[in-house]
Amino acid sequence: MTKELKVSKIQQWLNDQQQMLDRGIVATPTEKYLERFTAANGGSGDFLLMQLAKNYGYQLALDNLQNEL
């Protein structure tokens, strides 16, 4: 398998993963959304906030991987 083919397959996998994040039960938020949610919820809904933060972190990791390719 050539290097270009490997990179292409990795990029396709990254794209698939990013698309999956927005289709889940808890969609991936933006940083601004997280900031607004945190300010508005006053400490309630911490479980939802934790799930949103996990998805956001995963999105950042995928973005960084894609930028390195």
Protein backbone atom coordinates (compact mmCIF):
# COMPACT_ATOMS: atom_id res chain seq x y z
CA MET A 1 0.00 0.00 0.00
CA THR A 2 1.46 3.33 -1.02
CA LYS A 3 1.87 6.21 1.39
CA GLU A 4 -0.68 8.29 -0.54
CA LEU A 5 -3.27 5.51 -0.29
CA LYS A 6 -2.66 5.16 3.46
CA VAL A 7 -3.07 8.91 3.96
CA SER A 8 -6.22 8.88 1.84
CA LYS A 9 -7.71 6.06 3.92
CA ILE A 10 -6.84 7.87 7.16
CA GLN A 11 -8.40 11.08 5.89
CA GLN A 12 -11.57 9.21 4.90
CA TRP A 13 -11.74 7.61 8.35
CA LEU A 14 -11.32 11.03 9.99
CA ASN A 15 -14.11 12.48 7.84
CA ASP A 16 -16.38 9.55 8.72
CA GLN A 17 -15.68 10.01 12.44
CA GLN A 18 -16.39 13.74 12.29
CA GLN A 19 -19.69 13.20 10.48
CA MET A 20 -20.67 10.58 13.07
CA LEU A 21 -20.22 13.07 15.91
CA ASP A 22 -23.01 15.30 14.67
CA ARG A 23 -25.45 12.40 14.30
CA GLY A 24 -25.25 11.05 17.84
CA ILE A 25 -27.76 11.47 20.63
CA VAL A 26 -25.53 14.24 21.97
CA ALA A 27 -24.32 16.26 19.00
CA THR A 28 -20.86 17.78 19.10
CA PRO A 29 -21.00 21.35 20.36
CA THR A 30 -18.88 24.29 19.40
CA GLU A 31 -16.68 26.04 21.94
CA LYS A 32 -19.08 29.01 22.05
CA TYR A 33 -22.02 26.68 22.72
CA LEU A 34 -20.15 25.06 25.63
CA GLU A 35 -19.38 28.48 27.09
CA ARG A 36 -23.03 29.59 26.83
CA PHE A 37 -24.31 26.30 28.26
CA THR A 38 -21.92 26.47 31.20
CA ALA A 39 -22.92 30.05 31.98
CA ALA A 40 -26.65 29.34 31.69
CA ASN A 41 -27.00 26.04 33.52
CA GLY A 42 -25.73 27.17 36.93
CA GLY A 43 -24.35 23.72 37.78
CA SER A 44 -27.37 21.65 36.75
CA GLY A 45 -27.14 19.25 33.84
CA ASP A 46 -23.54 18.30 34.64
CA PHE A 47 -23.90 14.86 33.02
CA LEU A 48 -24.99 16.43 29.74
CA LEU A 49 -22.16 18.95 29.95
CA MET A 50 -19.69 16.11 30.51
CA GLN A 51 -20.95 14.29 27.39
CA LEU A 52 -20.78 17.49 25.32
CA ALA A 53 -17.23 18.10 26.54
CA LYS A 54 -16.18 14.55 25.61
CA ASN A 55 -17.52 14.97 22.09
CA TYR A 56 -15.86 18.37 21.76
CA GLY A 57 -12.53 16.90 22.89
CA TYR A 58 -12.83 14.08 20.38
CA GLN A 59 -13.64 16.60 17.65
CA LEU A 60 -10.52 18.63 18.55
CA ALA A 61 -8.38 15.50 18.43
CA LEU A 62 -9.72 14.55 14.99
CA ASP A 63 -9.16 18.10 13.73
CA ASN A 64 -5.57 18.06 14.94
CA LEU A 65 -4.90 14.70 13.29
CA GLN A 66 -6.35 15.95 10.04
CA ASN A 67 -4.22 19.11 10.17
CA GLU A 68 -1.08 17.01 10.64
CA LEU A 69 -1.83 14.99 7.51
